[in-house]
Amino acid sequence: MKKPFALVTSLLLLPACQTTRTVTLVGMTDYHSHAVPFYSEGEPGQGGVARALAYLRDAKAKPDTLVVSGGDTLNKGVPTWSDEYGCVEWPWFNGVLDVMALGNHDLDYGAVAFERCRAGADYPVLSANLVGADGAPYLRVEGRPYLVKEVGGVRLGFFAVAGPDMQRLVKAEHLPPGTRWTDATEAARAVVKALREEEHVDAVVLLGHQLREDDEALAREVSGIDLIMGSHSHQKVELGVLPGTRTWYLSPYQYLAYLSEVRLRFRGRRLERVEGGLVKLDGTKREEPEAAAEVARLQRELVAKRPERFEVLGRLDRPLRDEGLTEGAAEVGTWATEVWRRAAGAHAFFALSASFRGGLPAGEVTVEDFHGAVPYRNFLVTAELTGAQLADWVALSESKRGTDGYSQRSGIRYEVEDGRPVRLRVLKEPSHPAAGDEPVKPEAVYRVATLDFQAFVAGGYKEALSLAGNVRRTELNAHTLLMDALRNGNPTPEVGQPHGK
């Protein structure tokens, strides 16, 4: 009779040993001071901090829910809100956010301003590979470069790193005195080891802040990261497992147009299932009344103080959408590169998809609308490339399809087979697009143009351009050219050649 009794005892104990718990993570990232609802993906009135706060507060009120941020809450120069009000919103998230990653734009106004912002927040800001003169992490929680939260009976570990691109973008004089960056991968490896072996967490979450391709490389190099809340690349990526890893990933686009919502289901203390996706913050989502009223008041004051930023530049008969920026022809990218190509007198023009952060609405387009779509200041650069070098440049762009390093372009077209561009054709006469195009000849020389960031900073492209002839940074201001096109009433010239498939 002992064996049946033992069997019954085991069966009675089994459910208690395998209790199922679900922890929900709701994430925001790359807000960039877009407090006011804005035009996004062809629709007006998207996002807005009041709408985000309402959703996040409702989420926070639910059991076993944490709210996190991937950083980049500020953005010097664009929108004007950022320059005028700085981090006025940081305290609005007190009691809502549990933890935030440091983004490169959070240091836009320097270390003193950053510390002032941090002093107004009751949530920690993390970046494991920003270290002081003694080599210890500068941003810590109780002396550690990570945060451990126990929720619903399970332990979660959160951390952040500054990827290689973020390190390049932050000006040295904007870093806190005596601090420096260390290698993101090595810092992540040390943090994950500590979280797993010392803190005995049940799941590890990386909040940011680096390019998607760097997140993927990190997930392959450092085992033990269960979830990456994507940031920095401004990409809209639904939840899925990164190729060649066991790490889940999602990215909620930009400016609070979307939030991330992920449910981690544990059986006992073992992560058994990951579910969730992106939440679109459109007009169907309510706004927090107090925040909405404060945003409206501050925006009225801003318009009165800076009327030149809200001047109407021109009018569009149809919108110039931003869909497809990292994977093909986006209307705003096609328009801009054609305007720039004509000004440069080039056979072909290329601009990183990261040069664009939105589309332009139909109807009146203000200076603020324009800078929201094309925020970064650049000058045009011209160069002479052989047909063979031009083909290599196009192949480099195609290798970056799906990332910020992919190029919008004009004056050249091609098809893609097995990931490689084939049958390249380029304009015959840069000044006369109606003359049509012709096959790219390997030995011929073509005048090619791009933006100075892509020419002299962007990885891969700067090395490729170093092999070109007669490289010249012109005095042609990229912003001025596009703004003049809007002002002159011919904002959408017929494009010289369509994009490749």
Protein backbone atom coordinates (compact mmCIF):
# COMPACT_ATOMS: atom_id res chain seq x y z
CA MET A 1 0.00 0.00 0.00
CA LYS A 2 2.99 2.33 0.32
CA LYS A 3 3.51 2.77 -3.42
CA PRO A 4 -0.02 4.05 -4.22
CA PHE A 5 0.21 6.46 -1.26
CA ALA A 6 3.54 7.78 -2.55
CA LEU A 7 2.06 8.17 -6.02
CA VAL A 8 -0.90 10.15 -4.68
CA THR A 9 1.45 12.38 -2.68
CA SER A 10 3.53 13.08 -5.79
CA LEU A 11 0.47 13.97 -7.81
CA LEU A 12 -0.75 16.32 -5.12
CA LEU A 13 2.60 18.09 -5.02
CA LEU A 14 3.03 18.39 -8.80
CA PRO A 15 0.69 21.35 -9.44
CA ALA A 16 2.29 23.38 -6.66
CA CYS A 17 5.73 22.78 -8.20
CA GLN A 18 4.56 23.91 -11.62
CA THR A 19 2.59 27.06 -10.86
CA THR A 20 2.15 29.21 -13.95
CA ARG A 21 2.83 32.92 -13.61
CA THR A 22 2.74 35.68 -16.24
CA VAL A 23 4.71 38.92 -16.03
CA THR A 24 3.85 41.68 -18.50
CA LEU A 25 6.40 44.21 -19.75
CA VAL A 26 5.19 47.39 -21.44
CA GLY A 27 7.91 49.41 -23.15
CA MET A 28 8.45 52.79 -24.78
CA THR A 29 11.53 54.05 -26.58
CA ASP A 30 12.88 56.81 -28.82
CA TYR A 31 10.31 59.37 -27.71
CA HIS A 32 12.52 62.28 -28.88
CA SER A 33 10.32 64.94 -27.24
CA HIS A 34 7.31 64.27 -29.47
CA ALA A 35 4.83 65.43 -26.84
CA VAL A 36 2.22 66.51 -29.38
CA PRO A 37 0.42 63.93 -31.59
CA PHE A 38 2.01 63.92 -35.03
CA TYR A 39 1.74 62.69 -38.61
CA SER A 40 3.01 59.10 -38.93
CA GLU A 41 2.60 56.32 -41.50
CA GLY A 42 0.20 58.41 -43.53
CA GLU A 43 -2.08 59.28 -40.61
CA PRO A 44 -2.31 62.48 -38.54
CA GLY A 45 -2.77 62.57 -34.78
CA GLN A 46 -0.62 59.59 -33.86
CA GLY A 47 1.16 59.09 -30.55
CA GLY A 48 1.47 61.94 -28.07
CA VAL A 49 2.78 61.76 -24.52
CA ALA A 50 -0.68 62.15 -22.95
CA ARG A 51 -1.93 59.10 -24.84
CA ALA A 52 1.15 57.10 -23.85
CA LEU A 53 0.83 58.06 -20.19
CA ALA A 54 -2.80 56.97 -20.10
CA TYR A 55 -1.96 53.57 -21.55
CA LEU A 56 1.10 53.08 -19.34
CA ARG A 57 -0.72 54.07 -16.16
CA ASP A 58 -3.54 51.65 -16.96
CA ALA A 59 -0.98 48.93 -17.61
CA LYS A 60 0.89 49.71 -14.40
CA ALA A 61 -2.33 49.34 -12.41
CA LYS A 62 -2.57 45.72 -13.45
CA PRO A 63 -0.84 43.04 -11.35
CA ASP A 64 2.59 41.72 -12.29
CA THR A 65 3.28 44.48 -14.84
CA LEU A 66 6.46 46.52 -15.30
CA VAL A 67 6.99 49.57 -17.53
CA VAL A 68 10.37 50.22 -19.15
CA SER A 69 12.01 52.71 -21.52
CA GLY A 70 14.75 52.29 -24.11
CA GLY A 71 15.83 55.93 -23.79
CA ASP A 72 16.26 58.81 -26.25
CA THR A 73 13.68 61.00 -24.55
CA LEU A 74 15.25 64.24 -25.85
CA ASN A 75 16.31 65.50 -29.29
CA LYS A 76 18.24 68.75 -29.60
CA GLY A 77 16.94 70.93 -32.41
CA VAL A 78 13.94 68.82 -33.41
CA PRO A 79 11.23 69.20 -32.33
CA THR A 80 11.35 72.73 -30.93
CA TRP A 81 9.68 71.35 -27.80
CA SER A 82 12.97 69.68 -26.85
CA ASP A 83 15.01 72.89 -26.98
CA GLU A 84 12.39 74.88 -25.10
CA TYR A 85 11.26 72.41 -22.46
CA GLY A 86 14.08 69.86 -22.18
CA CYS A 87 13.09 66.96 -19.96
CA VAL A 88 9.92 68.51 -18.53
CA GLU A 89 8.19 65.15 -19.06
CA TRP A 90 10.63 63.03 -17.04
CA PRO A 91 8.79 63.60 -13.73
CA TRP A 92 5.47 62.84 -15.45
CA PHE A 93 6.64 59.22 -15.64
CA ASN A 94 7.41 58.97 -11.91
CA GLY A 95 5.44 56.10 -10.47
CA VAL A 96 4.99 54.70 -13.98
CA LEU A 97 8.45 53.81 -15.31
CA ASP A 98 10.43 51.15 -13.49
CA VAL A 99 13.69 51.61 -15.39
CA MET A 100 15.12 53.45 -18.40
CA ALA A 101 18.09 52.88 -20.68
CA LEU A 102 20.40 55.80 -21.43
CA GLY A 103 20.04 56.91 -25.06
CA ASN A 104 22.51 58.99 -27.02
CA HIS A 105 20.06 61.91 -27.30
CA ASP A 106 19.60 61.98 -23.53
CA LEU A 107 23.06 63.58 -23.49
CA ASP A 108 22.30 66.11 -26.25
CA TYR A 109 22.44 69.05 -23.86
CA GLY A 110 25.49 67.87 -21.92
CA ALA A 111 26.21 66.18 -18.61
CA VAL A 112 24.93 68.95 -16.34
CA ALA A 113 21.54 69.00 -18.05
CA PHE A 114 21.39 65.20 -17.97
CA GLU A 115 22.05 65.08 -14.24
CA ARG A 116 19.38 67.71 -13.69
CA CYS A 117 16.93 65.55 -15.62
CA ARG A 118 17.92 62.46 -13.69
CA ALA A 119 17.41 64.24 -10.39
CA GLY A 120 13.74 64.77 -11.27
CA ALA A 121 13.11 61.08 -12.00
CA ASP A 122 12.40 58.41 -9.41
CA TYR A 123 13.32 55.60 -11.82
CA PRO A 124 16.91 54.50 -12.51
CA VAL A 125 18.72 55.20 -15.79
CA LEU A 126 21.14 52.46 -16.86
CA SER A 127 24.07 51.93 -19.23
CA ALA A 128 26.44 49.18 -18.15
CA ASN A 129 29.38 50.25 -20.33
CA LEU A 130 29.58 53.90 -19.29
CA VAL A 131 32.29 53.80 -16.63
CA GLY A 132 34.10 56.30 -14.42
CA ALA A 133 37.82 56.84 -14.00
CA ASP A 134 37.97 53.86 -11.61
CA GLY A 135 36.42 51.58 -14.23
CA ALA A 136 33.21 51.12 -12.23
CA PRO A 137 29.87 51.65 -13.98
CA TYR A 138 28.71 55.26 -13.69
CA LEU A 139 24.98 54.51 -13.70
CA ARG A 140 24.05 52.03 -10.98
CA VAL A 141 21.21 50.74 -8.84
CA GLU A 142 22.43 50.01 -5.32
CA GLY A 143 25.96 49.80 -6.65
CA ARG A 144 25.14 47.50 -9.56
CA PRO A 145 24.86 48.28 -13.31
CA TYR A 146 21.52 46.49 -13.57
CA LEU A 147 18.11 46.29 -11.93
CA VAL A 148 16.54 43.18 -10.42
CA LYS A 149 12.77 43.18 -9.89
CA GLU A 150 10.79 40.40 -8.24
CA VAL A 151 7.31 40.25 -9.73
CA GLY A 152 4.68 37.56 -9.44
CA GLY A 153 7.09 35.26 -7.67
CA VAL A 154 9.79 35.41 -10.35
CA ARG A 155 12.99 37.47 -10.59
CA LEU A 156 13.72 39.59 -13.67
CA GLY A 157 17.03 41.26 -14.50
CA PHE A 158 17.16 44.44 -16.61
CA PHE A 159 20.21 46.10 -18.12
CA ALA A 160 21.28 48.45 -20.89
CA VAL A 161 24.39 49.08 -22.96
CA ALA A 162 25.49 51.81 -25.33
CA GLY A 163 26.17 50.18 -28.68
CA PRO A 164 28.99 51.20 -31.05
CA ASP A 165 26.79 53.62 -32.98
CA MET A 166 25.61 55.37 -29.82
CA GLN A 167 29.21 55.76 -28.68
CA ARG A 168 30.11 57.42 -32.00
CA LEU A 169 27.17 59.80 -31.82
CA VAL A 170 27.63 61.16 -28.29
CA LYS A 171 30.05 64.09 -28.22
CA ALA A 172 32.92 63.54 -25.79
CA GLU A 173 32.27 66.89 -24.13
CA HIS A 174 28.70 65.82 -23.36
CA LEU A 175 29.76 62.83 -21.25
CA PRO A 176 29.84 63.16 -17.46
CA PRO A 177 33.36 64.26 -16.40
CA GLY A 178 35.83 61.40 -16.13
CA THR A 179 33.59 58.84 -17.82
CA ARG A 180 34.28 56.75 -20.90
CA TRP A 181 32.71 53.92 -22.87
CA THR A 182 33.83 50.31 -22.69
CA ASP A 183 33.01 47.51 -25.12
CA ALA A 184 29.27 46.84 -25.13
CA THR A 185 29.58 43.10 -25.69
CA GLU A 186 32.04 42.58 -22.85
CA ALA A 187 29.92 44.68 -20.51
CA ALA A 188 26.82 42.70 -21.47
CA ARG A 189 28.62 39.40 -20.93
CA ALA A 190 29.66 40.44 -17.42
CA VAL A 191 26.18 41.70 -16.51
CA VAL A 192 24.37 38.61 -17.79
CA LYS A 193 26.80 36.39 -15.90
CA ALA A 194 26.15 38.32 -12.68
CA LEU A 195 22.39 38.27 -13.19
CA ARG A 196 22.36 34.52 -13.83
CA GLU A 197 24.97 33.28 -11.36
CA GLU A 198 24.80 35.81 -8.51
CA GLU A 199 21.29 37.22 -8.66
CA HIS A 200 19.71 33.96 -9.88
CA VAL A 201 17.17 35.75 -12.04
CA ASP A 202 14.62 33.79 -14.05
CA ALA A 203 14.78 36.04 -17.15
CA VAL A 204 17.17 38.67 -18.52
CA VAL A 205 15.93 41.69 -20.49
CA LEU A 206 18.08 44.13 -22.48
CA LEU A 207 16.44 47.56 -22.83
CA GLY A 208 18.80 49.22 -25.34
CA HIS A 209 20.44 51.33 -26.63
CA GLN A 210 21.94 50.19 -29.93
CA LEU A 211 21.25 49.46 -33.57
CA ARG A 212 19.16 46.42 -34.43
CA GLU A 213 22.10 44.73 -36.15
CA ASP A 214 24.19 45.25 -33.00
CA ASP A 215 21.38 43.77 -30.89
CA GLU A 216 21.40 40.71 -33.15
CA ALA A 217 25.18 40.37 -32.94
CA LEU A 218 25.06 40.72 -29.16
CA ALA A 219 22.39 38.05 -28.83
CA ARG A 220 24.62 35.66 -30.80
CA GLU A 221 27.72 36.53 -28.76
CA VAL A 222 26.17 36.58 -25.28
CA SER A 223 23.93 33.70 -24.31
CA GLY A 224 21.35 34.11 -21.59
CA ILE A 225 19.46 37.20 -22.85
CA ASP A 226 15.80 36.22 -23.07
CA LEU A 227 14.35 39.42 -24.52
CA ILE A 228 15.66 42.55 -26.22
CA MET A 229 13.37 45.57 -26.23
CA GLY A 230 14.67 47.13 -29.45
CA SER A 231 15.62 50.80 -29.59
CA HIS A 232 17.76 53.35 -31.47
CA SER A 233 17.06 52.07 -35.00
CA HIS A 234 13.50 53.46 -35.00
CA GLN A 235 12.28 50.24 -36.61
CA LYS A 236 8.83 48.70 -36.33
CA VAL A 237 9.43 45.02 -35.64
CA GLU A 238 6.87 42.61 -34.24
CA LEU A 239 7.86 40.06 -31.62
CA GLY A 240 9.99 37.17 -32.86
CA VAL A 241 13.13 35.16 -32.16
CA LEU A 242 16.37 36.56 -33.56
CA PRO A 243 17.93 34.22 -36.15
CA GLY A 244 20.50 31.84 -34.72
CA THR A 245 19.59 32.65 -31.11
CA ARG A 246 17.05 31.92 -28.41
CA THR A 247 16.52 35.63 -27.78
CA TRP A 248 13.18 37.29 -28.43
CA TYR A 249 13.12 40.77 -29.99
CA LEU A 250 10.65 43.52 -30.85
CA SER A 251 10.93 47.23 -31.61
CA PRO A 252 8.08 49.79 -31.37
CA TYR A 253 9.08 52.20 -34.15
CA GLN A 254 9.50 55.77 -32.81
CA TYR A 255 8.08 58.81 -31.03
CA LEU A 256 5.42 56.82 -29.11
CA ALA A 257 3.53 55.94 -32.27
CA TYR A 258 3.66 52.42 -30.78
CA LEU A 259 4.44 50.77 -27.47
CA SER A 260 5.79 47.26 -26.87
CA GLU A 261 3.80 44.80 -24.78
CA VAL A 262 5.30 41.41 -23.95
CA ARG A 263 3.98 38.68 -21.69
CA LEU A 264 6.54 36.36 -20.12
CA ARG A 265 4.92 33.14 -18.96
CA PHE A 266 6.77 31.08 -16.36
CA ARG A 267 6.11 27.56 -15.17
CA GLY A 268 7.60 27.55 -11.74
CA ARG A 269 10.67 29.72 -12.31
CA ARG A 270 11.32 28.56 -15.86
CA LEU A 271 10.45 30.87 -18.74
CA GLU A 272 8.10 28.76 -20.81
CA ARG A 273 6.49 31.12 -23.31
CA VAL A 274 6.89 34.65 -24.69
CA GLU A 275 3.91 36.39 -26.30
CA GLY A 276 2.87 39.89 -27.26
CA GLY A 277 3.53 42.56 -29.87
CA LEU A 278 3.16 46.24 -30.66
CA VAL A 279 0.36 48.53 -29.49
CA LYS A 280 -0.57 51.35 -31.87
CA LEU A 281 -1.24 54.64 -30.09
CA ASP A 282 -3.76 56.14 -32.45
CA GLY A 283 -7.00 58.04 -31.90
CA THR A 284 -8.73 54.98 -30.47
CA LYS A 285 -6.57 55.28 -27.34
CA ARG A 286 -7.55 57.77 -24.67
CA GLU A 287 -5.35 60.58 -23.39
CA GLU A 288 -4.57 61.30 -19.75
CA PRO A 289 -6.57 64.51 -19.16
CA GLU A 290 -4.04 66.34 -16.97
CA ALA A 291 -1.14 65.56 -19.27
CA ALA A 292 -3.17 66.52 -22.35
CA ALA A 293 -4.06 69.88 -20.83
CA GLU A 294 -0.45 70.58 -19.89
CA VAL A 295 0.82 69.62 -23.33
CA ALA A 296 -1.77 71.91 -24.96
CA ARG A 297 -0.78 74.81 -22.69
CA LEU A 298 2.94 74.39 -23.30
CA GLN A 299 2.41 73.99 -27.05
CA ARG A 300 0.40 77.23 -27.23
CA GLU A 301 3.21 79.05 -25.46
CA LEU A 302 5.75 77.47 -27.79
CA VAL A 303 3.93 78.56 -30.94
CA ALA A 304 3.68 82.09 -29.59
CA LYS A 305 7.37 82.18 -28.69
CA ARG A 306 8.73 80.48 -31.83
CA PRO A 307 6.30 81.37 -34.65
CA GLU A 308 8.98 80.88 -37.32
CA ARG A 309 8.98 77.15 -36.59
CA PHE A 310 5.29 76.94 -37.38
CA GLU A 311 5.42 78.96 -40.60
CA VAL A 312 3.83 77.23 -43.58
CA LEU A 313 6.52 76.23 -46.11
CA GLY A 314 4.21 74.99 -48.83
CA ARG A 315 1.35 72.73 -49.68
CA LEU A 316 1.28 69.11 -50.84
CA ASP A 317 -1.52 67.76 -53.01
CA ARG A 318 -0.77 64.29 -51.68
CA PRO A 319 1.19 63.01 -48.70
CA LEU A 320 4.81 61.87 -48.99
CA ARG A 321 4.75 58.71 -46.89
CA ASP A 322 7.63 57.10 -45.03
CA GLU A 323 6.60 53.45 -45.41
CA GLY A 324 9.38 51.30 -46.81
CA LEU A 325 12.32 53.45 -45.74
CA THR A 326 14.54 50.53 -44.82
CA GLU A 327 13.34 48.07 -47.45
CA GLY A 328 12.54 49.87 -50.68
CA ALA A 329 11.16 53.07 -52.13
CA ALA A 330 9.60 55.41 -49.56
CA GLU A 331 7.78 58.37 -51.09
CA VAL A 332 9.55 60.91 -48.89
CA GLY A 333 12.94 59.37 -49.70
CA THR A 334 12.28 59.24 -53.43
CA TRP A 335 11.21 62.90 -53.44
CA ALA A 336 14.14 64.15 -51.36
CA THR A 337 16.85 62.24 -53.22
CA GLU A 338 15.53 63.47 -56.57
CA VAL A 339 15.59 67.10 -55.39
CA TRP A 340 19.13 66.60 -54.14
CA ARG A 341 20.24 64.71 -57.26
CA ARG A 342 19.14 67.54 -59.52
CA ALA A 343 20.87 70.14 -57.36
CA ALA A 344 24.10 68.11 -57.38
CA GLY A 345 23.92 67.43 -61.12
CA ALA A 346 24.53 63.76 -60.38
CA HIS A 347 23.71 60.60 -62.25
CA ALA A 348 22.54 59.06 -58.98
CA PHE A 349 21.91 60.16 -55.40
CA PHE A 350 21.90 58.04 -52.24
CA ALA A 351 20.71 58.91 -48.71
CA LEU A 352 20.61 56.64 -45.66
CA SER A 353 17.12 55.66 -44.60
CA ALA A 354 18.13 57.04 -41.18
CA SER A 355 18.20 60.50 -42.79
CA PHE A 356 14.39 60.42 -42.67
CA ARG A 357 12.28 60.12 -39.53
CA GLY A 358 8.81 60.49 -40.97
CA GLY A 359 6.68 61.51 -43.91
CA LEU A 360 5.01 64.77 -44.88
CA PRO A 361 1.23 65.26 -44.73
CA ALA A 362 -1.04 66.38 -47.52
CA GLY A 363 -2.08 70.01 -47.27
CA GLU A 364 -0.06 72.67 -45.47
CA VAL A 365 3.47 71.70 -44.42
CA THR A 366 5.07 73.75 -41.65
CA VAL A 367 8.74 74.16 -40.81
CA GLU A 368 8.15 71.93 -37.78
CA ASP A 369 6.52 69.26 -39.97
CA PHE A 370 9.49 69.36 -42.30
CA HIS A 371 12.12 69.06 -39.59
CA GLY A 372 10.19 66.20 -38.03
CA ALA A 373 10.49 64.28 -41.30
CA VAL A 374 14.07 65.28 -42.17
CA PRO A 375 15.67 66.28 -38.86
CA TYR A 376 19.40 66.06 -39.51
CA ARG A 377 21.55 68.81 -40.99
CA ASN A 378 23.74 67.73 -43.90
CA PHE A 379 25.52 69.08 -46.94
CA LEU A 380 25.71 67.37 -50.31
CA VAL A 381 28.87 65.51 -51.27
CA THR A 382 29.75 64.65 -54.87
CA ALA A 383 32.22 62.08 -56.16
CA GLU A 384 33.22 60.22 -59.30
CA LEU A 385 32.71 56.46 -59.23
CA THR A 386 33.42 53.94 -61.91
CA GLY A 387 30.56 51.70 -62.92
CA ALA A 388 32.19 48.88 -60.97
CA GLN A 389 32.46 51.07 -57.85
CA LEU A 390 28.86 52.20 -58.28
CA ALA A 391 27.76 48.56 -58.42
CA ASP A 392 29.71 47.86 -55.22
CA TRP A 393 28.04 50.85 -53.53
CA VAL A 394 24.58 49.57 -54.49
CA ALA A 395 25.49 46.08 -53.28
CA LEU A 396 26.58 47.57 -49.95
CA SER A 397 23.23 49.29 -49.60
CA GLU A 398 21.34 46.10 -50.42
CA SER A 399 23.38 44.22 -47.80
CA LYS A 400 21.90 46.66 -45.26
CA ARG A 401 18.29 46.19 -46.34
CA GLY A 402 16.03 46.21 -43.30
CA THR A 403 18.31 48.54 -41.33
CA ASP A 404 19.00 52.27 -41.00
CA GLY A 405 22.02 51.75 -43.28
CA TYR A 406 19.85 51.01 -46.31
CA SER A 407 19.83 53.79 -48.93
CA GLN A 408 16.97 55.73 -50.42
CA ARG A 409 18.04 56.76 -53.91
CA SER A 410 17.24 58.41 -57.22
CA GLY A 411 18.68 58.22 -60.73
CA ILE A 412 19.45 54.51 -60.60
CA ARG A 413 17.34 51.39 -60.77
CA TYR A 414 17.96 47.67 -60.59
CA GLU A 415 16.44 44.35 -59.63
CA VAL A 416 17.41 42.10 -56.76
CA GLU A 417 18.08 38.38 -57.14
CA ASP A 418 19.23 36.26 -54.19
CA GLY A 419 19.92 39.43 -52.23
CA ARG A 420 22.20 40.91 -54.91
CA PRO A 421 21.42 43.85 -57.21
CA VAL A 422 21.42 42.96 -60.88
CA ARG A 423 20.74 44.74 -64.18
CA LEU A 424 21.74 48.16 -62.90
CA ARG A 425 20.64 51.12 -65.00
CA VAL A 426 21.58 54.76 -64.48
CA LEU A 427 20.51 58.08 -66.00
CA LYS A 428 22.10 58.90 -69.34
CA GLU A 429 22.08 62.66 -68.72
CA PRO A 430 21.82 64.02 -65.14
CA SER A 431 20.41 67.36 -66.35
CA HIS A 432 17.87 65.74 -68.66
CA PRO A 433 16.09 62.81 -66.90
CA ALA A 434 13.60 62.51 -69.78
CA ALA A 435 16.43 61.10 -71.88
CA GLY A 436 16.05 57.88 -69.94
CA ASP A 437 18.60 55.48 -68.54
CA GLU A 438 21.13 52.95 -69.73
CA PRO A 439 22.96 49.93 -68.32
CA VAL A 440 25.79 50.75 -65.93
CA LYS A 441 29.13 50.21 -67.69
CA PRO A 442 31.88 48.95 -65.34
CA GLU A 443 34.60 51.10 -66.92
CA ALA A 444 32.53 54.29 -67.27
CA VAL A 445 32.74 57.15 -64.74
CA TYR A 446 29.59 58.48 -63.09
CA ARG A 447 28.93 61.51 -60.92
CA VAL A 448 27.37 60.22 -57.71
CA ALA A 449 26.19 62.27 -54.73
CA THR A 450 25.18 61.62 -51.13
CA LEU A 451 24.89 63.39 -47.78
CA ASP A 452 28.02 64.20 -45.81
CA PHE A 453 27.13 61.88 -42.93
CA GLN A 454 26.86 58.93 -45.28
CA ALA A 455 30.01 60.01 -47.11
CA PHE A 456 32.31 60.52 -44.14
CA VAL A 457 30.80 58.77 -41.09
CA ALA A 458 28.53 55.84 -42.00
CA GLY A 459 30.26 52.49 -41.71
CA GLY A 460 31.03 50.83 -45.05
CA TYR A 461 30.07 53.84 -47.10
CA LYS A 462 32.92 56.07 -45.94
CA GLU A 463 35.40 53.33 -46.81
CA ALA A 464 33.80 52.86 -50.23
CA LEU A 465 33.87 56.59 -50.95
CA SER A 466 37.54 56.79 -50.00
CA LEU A 467 38.23 54.87 -53.23
CA ALA A 468 36.29 57.34 -55.37
CA GLY A 469 37.73 60.17 -57.40
CA ASN A 470 37.20 63.92 -56.97
CA VAL A 471 35.30 63.66 -53.67
CA ARG A 472 33.97 67.11 -52.76
CA ARG A 473 31.82 68.42 -49.94
CA THR A 474 29.70 71.11 -51.55
CA GLU A 475 28.03 74.16 -50.02
CA LEU A 476 24.62 72.79 -50.98
CA ASN A 477 22.56 72.58 -47.78
CA ALA A 478 20.26 69.56 -47.83
CA HIS A 479 17.57 71.25 -45.72
CA THR A 480 17.59 74.46 -47.73
CA LEU A 481 17.13 72.60 -51.00
CA LEU A 482 14.09 70.69 -49.79
CA MET A 483 12.52 73.68 -48.07
CA ASP A 484 12.96 75.74 -51.24
CA ALA A 485 11.28 72.97 -53.23
CA LEU A 486 8.28 73.22 -50.90
CA ARG A 487 8.22 77.01 -50.99
CA ASN A 488 8.47 77.18 -54.79
CA GLY A 489 5.31 75.23 -55.32
CA ASN A 490 6.94 72.30 -57.12
CA PRO A 491 7.59 69.98 -54.21
CA THR A 492 7.22 66.69 -56.07
CA PRO A 493 9.24 66.80 -59.30
CA GLU A 494 9.00 63.85 -61.62
CA VAL A 495 11.59 61.42 -60.35
CA GLY A 496 14.44 60.66 -62.73
CA GLN A 497 14.19 56.90 -62.31
CA PRO A 498 12.17 54.61 -60.04
CA HIS A 499 13.82 52.59 -57.32
CA GLY A 500 14.95 49.03 -57.71
CA LYS A 501 12.57 46.25 -56.84
